[in-house]
PDB file of N, CA and C in Angstrom:
ATOM      1  N   MET A   1       7.276 -17.958 -20.242  1.00  0.00           N
ATOM      2  CA  MET A   1       7.142 -16.523 -20.403  1.00  0.00           C
ATOM      3  C   MET A   1       6.180 -15.986 -19.343  1.00  0.00           C
ATOM      4  N   VAL A   2       6.555 -14.913 -18.712  1.00  0.00           N
ATOM      5  CA  VAL A   2       5.704 -14.261 -17.714  1.00  0.00           C
ATOM      6  C   VAL A   2       5.024 -13.082 -18.371  1.00  0.00           C
ATOM      7  N   ARG A   3       3.719 -13.023 -18.227  1.00  0.00           N
ATOM      8  CA  ARG A   3       2.959 -11.914 -18.808  1.00  0.00           C
ATOM      9  C   ARG A   3       2.618 -10.901 -17.741  1.00  0.00           C
ATOM     10  N   GLU A   4       2.684  -9.665 -18.112  1.00  0.00           N
ATOM     11  CA  GLU A   4       2.255  -8.596 -17.209  1.00  0.00           C
ATOM     12  C   GLU A   4       0.744  -8.631 -17.089  1.00  0.00           C
ATOM     13  N   GLN A   5       0.239  -8.511 -15.883  1.00  0.00           N
ATOM     14  CA  GLN A   5      -1.196  -8.413 -15.658  1.00  0.00           C
ATOM     15  C   GLN A   5      -1.592  -6.943 -15.780  1.00  0.00           C
ATOM     16  N   PRO A   6      -2.767  -6.670 -16.319  1.00  0.00           N
ATOM     17  CA  PRO A   6      -3.196  -5.262 -16.367  1.00  0.00           C
ATOM     18  C   PRO A   6      -3.352  -4.714 -14.960  1.00  0.00           C
ATOM     19  N   ASN A   7      -3.125  -3.438 -14.816  1.00  0.00           N
ATOM     20  CA  ASN A   7      -3.276  -2.793 -13.519  1.00  0.00           C
ATOM     21  C   ASN A   7      -4.766  -2.750 -13.176  1.00  0.00           C
ATOM     22  N   THR A   8      -5.165  -3.540 -12.182  1.00  0.00           N
ATOM     23  CA  THR A   8      -6.580  -3.629 -11.834  1.00  0.00           C
ATOM     24  C   THR A   8      -6.882  -2.978 -10.493  1.00  0.00           C
ATOM     25  N   ARG A   9      -5.958  -2.240  -9.960  1.00  0.00           N
ATOM     26  CA  ARG A   9      -6.197  -1.637  -8.654  1.00  0.00           C
ATOM     27  C   ARG A   9      -7.267  -0.564  -8.753  1.00  0.00           C
ATOM     28  N   THR A  10      -8.023  -0.431  -7.681  1.00  0.00           N
ATOM     29  CA  THR A  10      -9.067   0.580  -7.610  1.00  0.00           C
ATOM     30  C   THR A  10      -8.430   1.905  -7.231  1.00  0.00           C
ATOM     31  N   PRO A  11      -8.698   2.968  -7.962  1.00  0.00           N
ATOM     32  CA  PRO A  11      -8.109   4.261  -7.604  1.00  0.00           C
ATOM     33  C   PRO A  11      -8.522   4.679  -6.193  1.00  0.00           C
ATOM     34  N   GLU A  12      -7.570   5.175  -5.449  1.00  0.00           N
ATOM     35  CA  GLU A  12      -7.876   5.616  -4.089  1.00  0.00           C
ATOM     36  C   GLU A  12      -8.504   6.998  -4.116  1.00  0.00           C
ATOM     37  N   PRO A  13      -9.216   7.355  -3.049  1.00  0.00           N
ATOM     38  CA  PRO A  13      -9.780   8.707  -2.995  1.00  0.00           C
ATOM     39  C   PRO A  13      -8.656   9.740  -3.042  1.00  0.00           C
ATOM     40  N   PRO A  14      -8.922  10.927  -3.563  1.00  0.00           N
ATOM     41  CA  PRO A  14      -7.864  11.928  -3.695  1.00  0.00           C
ATOM     42  C   PRO A  14      -7.241  12.347  -2.371  1.00  0.00           C
ATOM     43  N   ASN A  15      -7.953  12.199  -1.254  1.00  0.00           N
ATOM     44  CA  ASN A  15      -7.400  12.606   0.039  1.00  0.00           C
ATOM     45  C   ASN A  15      -6.735  11.450   0.785  1.00  0.00           C
ATOM     46  N   ALA A  16      -6.600  10.281   0.144  1.00  0.00           N
ATOM     47  CA  ALA A  16      -5.964   9.134   0.794  1.00  0.00           C
ATOM     48  C   ALA A  16      -4.481   9.423   1.015  1.00  0.00           C
ATOM     49  N   LEU A  17      -3.975   9.022   2.174  1.00  0.00           N
ATOM     50  CA  LEU A  17      -2.571   9.243   2.502  1.00  0.00           C
ATOM     51  C   LEU A  17      -1.690   8.053   2.156  1.00  0.00           C
ATOM     52  N   SER A  18      -2.324   6.911   1.866  1.00  0.00           N
ATOM     53  CA  SER A  18      -1.534   5.727   1.587  1.00  0.00           C
ATOM     54  C   SER A  18      -2.278   4.775   0.669  1.00  0.00           C
ATOM     55  N   GLU A  19      -1.556   3.792   0.195  1.00  0.00           N
ATOM     56  CA  GLU A  19      -2.105   2.677  -0.567  1.00  0.00           C
ATOM     57  C   GLU A  19      -1.690   1.435   0.211  1.00  0.00           C
ATOM     58  N   ALA A  20      -2.651   0.607   0.606  1.00  0.00           N
ATOM     59  CA  ALA A  20      -2.355  -0.579   1.405  1.00  0.00           C
ATOM     60  C   ALA A  20      -2.788  -1.823   0.652  1.00  0.00           C
ATOM     61  N   VAL A  21      -1.950  -2.864   0.695  1.00  0.00           N
ATOM     62  CA  VAL A  21      -2.241  -4.113  -0.010  1.00  0.00           C
ATOM     63  C   VAL A  21      -1.944  -5.298   0.901  1.00  0.00           C
ATOM     64  N   ASP A  22      -2.549  -6.446   0.577  1.00  0.00           N
ATOM     65  CA  ASP A  22      -2.309  -7.658   1.358  1.00  0.00           C
ATOM     66  C   ASP A  22      -1.304  -8.570   0.664  1.00  0.00           C
ATOM     67  N   THR A  23      -0.538  -8.033  -0.248  1.00  0.00           N
ATOM     68  CA  THR A  23       0.468  -8.789  -0.979  1.00  0.00           C
ATOM     69  C   THR A  23       1.861  -8.297  -0.608  1.00  0.00           C
ATOM     70  N   LEU A  24       2.879  -8.930  -1.173  1.00  0.00           N
ATOM     71  CA  LEU A  24       4.253  -8.569  -0.836  1.00  0.00           C
ATOM     72  C   LEU A  24       4.716  -7.261  -1.468  1.00  0.00           C
ATOM     73  N   SER A  25       3.956  -6.751  -2.425  1.00  0.00           N
ATOM     74  CA  SER A  25       4.370  -5.540  -3.116  1.00  0.00           C
ATOM     75  C   SER A  25       3.144  -4.770  -3.597  1.00  0.00           C
ATOM     76  N   LEU A  26       3.286  -3.467  -3.747  1.00  0.00           N
ATOM     77  CA  LEU A  26       2.210  -2.660  -4.312  1.00  0.00           C
ATOM     78  C   LEU A  26       1.928  -3.086  -5.748  1.00  0.00           C
ATOM     79  N   ASP A  27       2.969  -3.475  -6.475  1.00  0.00           N
ATOM     80  CA  ASP A  27       2.825  -3.962  -7.849  1.00  0.00           C
ATOM     81  C   ASP A  27       2.758  -5.483  -7.828  1.00  0.00           C
ATOM     82  N   HIS A  28       2.163  -6.061  -8.868  1.00  0.00           N
ATOM     83  CA  HIS A  28       2.119  -7.523  -8.934  1.00  0.00           C
ATOM     84  C   HIS A  28       3.524  -8.069  -9.171  1.00  0.00           C
ATOM     85  N   GLY A  29       3.737  -9.302  -8.789  1.00  0.00           N
ATOM     86  CA  GLY A  29       5.069  -9.901  -8.780  1.00  0.00           C
ATOM     87  C   GLY A  29       5.837  -9.862 -10.077  1.00  0.00           C
ATOM     88  N   ALA A  30       5.162  -9.940 -11.212  1.00  0.00           N
ATOM     89  CA  ALA A  30       5.862  -9.964 -12.497  1.00  0.00           C
ATOM     90  C   ALA A  30       6.062  -8.567 -13.083  1.00  0.00           C
ATOM     91  N   SER A  31       5.784  -7.535 -12.316  1.00  0.00           N
ATOM     92  CA  SER A  31       5.884  -6.169 -12.835  1.00  0.00           C
ATOM     93  C   SER A  31       7.299  -5.857 -13.282  1.00  0.00           C
ATOM     94  N   LYS A  32       7.396  -5.236 -14.429  1.00  0.00           N
ATOM     95  CA  LYS A  32       8.696  -4.797 -14.930  1.00  0.00           C
ATOM     96  C   LYS A  32       8.830  -3.274 -14.845  1.00  0.00           C
ATOM     97  N   ASP A  33       7.695  -2.582 -14.708  1.00  0.00           N
ATOM     98  CA  ASP A  33       7.759  -1.114 -14.681  1.00  0.00           C
ATOM     99  C   ASP A  33       7.415  -0.515 -13.318  1.00  0.00           C
ATOM    100  N   PHE A  34       6.913  -1.313 -12.393  1.00  0.00           N
ATOM    101  CA  PHE A  34       6.565  -0.860 -11.045  1.00  0.00           C
ATOM    102  C   PHE A  34       5.719   0.414 -11.078  1.00  0.00           C
ATOM    103  N   ALA A  35       4.690   0.378 -11.922  1.00  0.00           N
ATOM    104  CA  ALA A  35       3.839   1.550 -12.156  1.00  0.00           C
ATOM    105  C   ALA A  35       3.176   2.059 -10.884  1.00  0.00           C
ATOM    106  N   VAL A  36       2.728   1.166 -10.019  1.00  0.00           N
ATOM    107  CA  VAL A  36       2.069   1.618  -8.784  1.00  0.00           C
ATOM    108  C   VAL A  36       3.079   2.313  -7.877  1.00  0.00           C
ATOM    109  N   HIS A  37       4.255   1.736  -7.714  1.00  0.00           N
ATOM    110  CA  HIS A  37       5.296   2.395  -6.911  1.00  0.00           C
ATOM    111  C   HIS A  37       5.585   3.798  -7.449  1.00  0.00           C
ATOM    112  N   TYR A  38       5.710   3.900  -8.778  1.00  0.00           N
ATOM    113  CA  TYR A  38       6.060   5.180  -9.383  1.00  0.00           C
ATOM    114  C   TYR A  38       4.904   6.174  -9.428  1.00  0.00           C
ATOM    115  N   SER A  39       3.694   5.732  -9.123  1.00  0.00           N
ATOM    116  CA  SER A  39       2.578   6.679  -9.048  1.00  0.00           C
ATOM    117  C   SER A  39       2.252   7.043  -7.602  1.00  0.00           C
ATOM    118  N   VAL A  40       2.345   6.100  -6.689  1.00  0.00           N
ATOM    119  CA  VAL A  40       1.983   6.341  -5.288  1.00  0.00           C
ATOM    120  C   VAL A  40       3.086   7.080  -4.537  1.00  0.00           C
ATOM    121  N   LEU A  41       4.306   6.571  -4.592  1.00  0.00           N
ATOM    122  CA  LEU A  41       5.382   7.137  -3.772  1.00  0.00           C
ATOM    123  C   LEU A  41       5.767   8.566  -4.164  1.00  0.00           C
ATOM    124  N   PRO A  42       5.894   8.920  -5.447  1.00  0.00           N
ATOM    125  CA  PRO A  42       6.192  10.313  -5.775  1.00  0.00           C
ATOM    126  C   PRO A  42       5.071  11.280  -5.401  1.00  0.00           C
ATOM    127  N   ALA A  43       3.860  10.748  -5.200  1.00  0.00           N
ATOM    128  CA  ALA A  43       2.733  11.587  -4.778  1.00  0.00           C
ATOM    129  C   ALA A  43       2.774  11.825  -3.273  1.00  0.00           C
ATOM    130  N   ASN A  44       3.885  11.435  -2.633  1.00  0.00           N
ATOM    131  CA  ASN A  44       4.091  11.625  -1.198  1.00  0.00           C
ATOM    132  C   ASN A  44       3.080  10.819  -0.369  1.00  0.00           C
ATOM    133  N   LYS A  45       2.703   9.647  -0.891  1.00  0.00           N
ATOM    134  CA  LYS A  45       1.807   8.746  -0.171  1.00  0.00           C
ATOM    135  C   LYS A  45       2.600   7.529   0.279  1.00  0.00           C
ATOM    136  N   TRP A  46       2.182   6.920   1.357  1.00  0.00           N
ATOM    137  CA  TRP A  46       2.831   5.716   1.867  1.00  0.00           C
ATOM    138  C   TRP A  46       2.366   4.513   1.080  1.00  0.00           C
ATOM    139  N   GLY A  47       3.249   3.580   0.880  1.00  0.00           N
ATOM    140  CA  GLY A  47       2.893   2.280   0.343  1.00  0.00           C
ATOM    141  C   GLY A  47       2.996   1.278   1.477  1.00  0.00           C
ATOM    142  N   ILE A  48       1.881   0.707   1.904  1.00  0.00           N
ATOM    143  CA  ILE A  48       1.875  -0.238   3.026  1.00  0.00           C
ATOM    144  C   ILE A  48       1.568  -1.619   2.458  1.00  0.00           C
ATOM    145  N   GLU A  49       2.511  -2.538   2.625  1.00  0.00           N
ATOM    146  CA  GLU A  49       2.410  -3.860   2.016  1.00  0.00           C
ATOM    147  C   GLU A  49       2.295  -4.949   3.079  1.00  0.00           C
ATOM    148  N   ASN A  50       1.795  -6.106   2.643  1.00  0.00           N
ATOM    149  CA  ASN A  50       1.795  -7.309   3.469  1.00  0.00           C
ATOM    150  C   ASN A  50       0.825  -7.247   4.643  1.00  0.00           C
ATOM    151  N   LEU A  51      -0.310  -6.612   4.464  1.00  0.00           N
ATOM    152  CA  LEU A  51      -1.303  -6.510   5.531  1.00  0.00           C
ATOM    153  C   LEU A  51      -2.224  -7.728   5.533  1.00  0.00           C
ATOM    154  N   ALA A  52      -2.815  -8.014   6.665  1.00  0.00           N
ATOM    155  CA  ALA A  52      -3.749  -9.134   6.792  1.00  0.00           C
ATOM    156  C   ALA A  52      -5.159  -8.605   7.050  1.00  0.00           C
ATOM    157  N   ASN A  53      -6.147  -9.356   6.603  1.00  0.00           N
ATOM    158  CA  ASN A  53      -7.562  -9.087   6.893  1.00  0.00           C
ATOM    159  C   ASN A  53      -8.091  -7.776   6.316  1.00  0.00           C
ATOM    160  N   LEU A  54      -7.550  -7.323   5.202  1.00  0.00           N
ATOM    161  CA  LEU A  54      -8.048  -6.083   4.595  1.00  0.00           C
ATOM    162  C   LEU A  54      -9.508  -6.188   4.186  1.00  0.00           C
ATOM    163  N   ALA A  55      -9.954  -7.359   3.797  1.00  0.00           N
ATOM    164  CA  ALA A  55     -11.340  -7.533   3.366  1.00  0.00           C
ATOM    165  C   ALA A  55     -12.329  -7.289   4.495  1.00  0.00           C
ATOM    166  N   LYS A  56     -11.887  -7.356   5.733  1.00  0.00           N
ATOM    167  CA  LYS A  56     -12.767  -7.141   6.878  1.00  0.00           C
ATOM    168  C   LYS A  56     -12.975  -5.663   7.196  1.00  0.00           C
ATOM    169  N   ILE A  57     -12.158  -4.807   6.629  1.00  0.00           N
ATOM    170  CA  ILE A  57     -12.241  -3.372   6.918  1.00  0.00           C
ATOM    171  C   ILE A  57     -13.275  -2.745   5.987  1.00  0.00           C
ATOM    172  N   PRO A  58     -14.265  -2.019   6.526  1.00  0.00           N
ATOM    173  CA  PRO A  58     -15.264  -1.386   5.656  1.00  0.00           C
ATOM    174  C   PRO A  58     -14.626  -0.323   4.760  1.00  0.00           C
ATOM    175  N   GLU A  59     -15.218  -0.133   3.589  1.00  0.00           N
ATOM    176  CA  GLU A  59     -14.678   0.852   2.648  1.00  0.00           C
ATOM    177  C   GLU A  59     -14.809   2.281   3.160  1.00  0.00           C
ATOM    178  N   ALA A  60     -15.824   2.540   3.972  1.00  0.00           N
ATOM    179  CA  ALA A  60     -16.029   3.894   4.502  1.00  0.00           C
ATOM    180  C   ALA A  60     -16.044   3.840   6.019  1.00  0.00           C
ATOM    181  N   GLY A  61     -15.410   4.827   6.631  1.00  0.00           N
ATOM    182  CA  GLY A  61     -15.519   4.987   8.066  1.00  0.00           C
ATOM    183  C   GLY A  61     -14.386   4.496   8.947  1.00  0.00           C
ATOM    184  N   PRO A  62     -13.464   3.647   8.473  1.00  0.00           N
ATOM    185  CA  PRO A  62     -12.440   3.178   9.403  1.00  0.00           C
ATOM    186  C   PRO A  62     -11.383   4.253   9.659  1.00  0.00           C
ATOM    187  N   THR A  63     -10.757   4.156  10.806  1.00  0.00           N
ATOM    188  CA  THR A  63      -9.574   4.950  11.115  1.00  0.00           C
ATOM    189  C   THR A  63      -8.411   3.975  11.172  1.00  0.00           C
ATOM    190  N   ILE A  64      -7.356   4.290  10.463  1.00  0.00           N
ATOM    191  CA  ILE A  64      -6.183   3.421  10.388  1.00  0.00           C
ATOM    192  C   ILE A  64      -5.038   4.087  11.151  1.00  0.00           C
ATOM    193  N   PHE A  65      -4.463   3.365  12.078  1.00  0.00           N
ATOM    194  CA  PHE A  65      -3.299   3.837  12.820  1.00  0.00           C
ATOM    195  C   PHE A  65      -2.066   3.099  12.313  1.00  0.00           C
ATOM    196  N   VAL A  66      -1.033   3.845  11.977  1.00  0.00           N
ATOM    197  CA  VAL A  66       0.211   3.256  11.497  1.00  0.00           C
ATOM    198  C   VAL A  66       1.323   3.682  12.440  1.00  0.00           C
ATOM    199  N   GLY A  67       1.898   2.708  13.116  1.00  0.00           N
ATOM    200  CA  GLY A  67       3.013   2.984  14.018  1.00  0.00           C
ATOM    201  C   GLY A  67       4.287   2.425  13.422  1.00  0.00           C
ATOM    202  N   LEU A  68       5.293   3.266  13.301  1.00  0.00           N
ATOM    203  CA  LEU A  68       6.549   2.796  12.736  1.00  0.00           C
ATOM    204  C   LEU A  68       7.718   3.481  13.412  1.00  0.00           C
ATOM    205  N   PRO A  69       8.832   2.769  13.516  1.00  0.00           N
ATOM    206  CA  PRO A  69      10.022   3.393  14.103  1.00  0.00           C
ATOM    207  C   PRO A  69      10.707   4.288  13.079  1.00  0.00           C
ATOM    208  N   ARG A  70      11.397   5.299  13.560  1.00  0.00           N
ATOM    209  CA  ARG A  70      12.204   6.134  12.669  1.00  0.00           C
ATOM    210  C   ARG A  70      13.573   5.469  12.536  1.00  0.00           C
ATOM    211  N   VAL A  71      13.949   5.197  11.302  1.00  0.00           N
ATOM    212  CA  VAL A  71      15.243   4.597  11.036  1.00  0.00           C
ATOM    213  C   VAL A  71      16.006   5.556  10.121  1.00  0.00           C
ATOM    214  N   LYS A  72      17.088   6.110  10.638  1.00  0.00           N
ATOM    215  CA  LYS A  72      17.844   7.111   9.898  1.00  0.00           C
ATOM    216  C   LYS A  72      18.318   6.560   8.552  1.00  0.00           C
ATOM    217  N   GLY A  73      17.986   7.284   7.488  1.00  0.00           N
ATOM    218  CA  GLY A  73      18.427   6.931   6.150  1.00  0.00           C
ATOM    219  C   GLY A  73      17.632   5.821   5.473  1.00  0.00           C
ATOM    220  N   ALA A  74      16.621   5.287   6.141  1.00  0.00           N
ATOM    221  CA  ALA A  74      15.851   4.181   5.562  1.00  0.00           C
ATOM    222  C   ALA A  74      14.721   4.691   4.677  1.00  0.00           C
ATOM    223  N   SER A  75      14.360   3.892   3.683  1.00  0.00           N
ATOM    224  CA  SER A  75      13.225   4.234   2.835  1.00  0.00           C
ATOM    225  C   SER A  75      12.006   3.392   3.183  1.00  0.00           C
ATOM    226  N   GLY A  76      12.127   2.517   4.143  1.00  0.00           N
ATOM    227  CA  GLY A  76      11.018   1.666   4.564  1.00  0.00           C
ATOM    228  C   GLY A  76      11.405   0.887   5.793  1.00  0.00           C
ATOM    229  N   GLY A  77      10.459   0.123   6.308  1.00  0.00           N
ATOM    230  CA  GLY A  77      10.759  -0.674   7.485  1.00  0.00           C
ATOM    231  C   GLY A  77       9.505  -1.297   8.056  1.00  0.00           C
ATOM    232  N   PRO A  78       9.625  -1.982   9.179  1.00  0.00           N
ATOM    233  CA  PRO A  78       8.471  -2.642   9.790  1.00  0.00           C
ATOM    234  C   PRO A  78       7.495  -1.632  10.385  1.00  0.00           C
ATOM    235  N   ALA A  79       6.231  -2.008  10.447  1.00  0.00           N
ATOM    236  CA  ALA A  79       5.207  -1.127  11.014  1.00  0.00           C
ATOM    237  C   ALA A  79       4.149  -1.977  11.727  1.00  0.00           C
ATOM    238  N   ARG A  80       3.452  -1.365  12.644  1.00  0.00           N
ATOM    239  CA  ARG A  80       2.274  -1.970  13.276  1.00  0.00           C
ATOM    240  C   ARG A  80       1.074  -1.192  12.780  1.00  0.00           C
ATOM    241  N   ILE A  81       0.090  -1.915  12.240  1.00  0.00           N
ATOM    242  CA  ILE A  81      -1.085  -1.285  11.647  1.00  0.00           C
ATOM    243  C   ILE A  81      -2.321  -1.737  12.416  1.00  0.00           C
ATOM    244  N   LEU A  82      -3.191  -0.802  12.758  1.00  0.00           N
ATOM    245  CA  LEU A  82      -4.419  -1.100  13.486  1.00  0.00           C
ATOM    246  C   LEU A  82      -5.560  -0.337  12.838  1.00  0.00           C
ATOM    247  N   ALA A  83      -6.661  -1.038  12.574  1.00  0.00           N
ATOM    248  CA  ALA A  83      -7.841  -0.392  11.996  1.00  0.00           C
ATOM    249  C   ALA A  83      -8.992  -0.501  12.985  1.00  0.00           C
ATOM    250  N   VAL A  84      -9.696   0.607  13.192  1.00  0.00           N
ATOM    251  CA  VAL A  84     -10.890   0.612  14.069  1.00  0.00           C
ATOM    252  C   VAL A  84     -12.037   1.271  13.312  1.00  0.00           C
ATOM    253  N   TRP A  85     -13.257   0.816  13.596  1.00  0.00           N
ATOM    254  CA  TRP A  85     -14.444   1.406  12.988  1.00  0.00           C
ATOM    255  C   TRP A  85     -15.627   1.213  13.874  1.00  0.00           C
TER     256      TRP A  85
END
């Protein structure tokens, strides 16, 4: 039996444009309701998944650059992410 883990994500600041995670999905793997997807994406925020070295980025002060190609009709795709501080 797979148990749902409680949602332990830290709420983002109200002016945040995206939610970024170092995992394969915004929700944990056993999610049945995809609560994070259904809260972040309808709020017109980006969900950025599969990032590396997030722990190295300071909580305050970084600038994040997200470069992505436009793909007609797509709801997602590959991106290049760069953080500077």
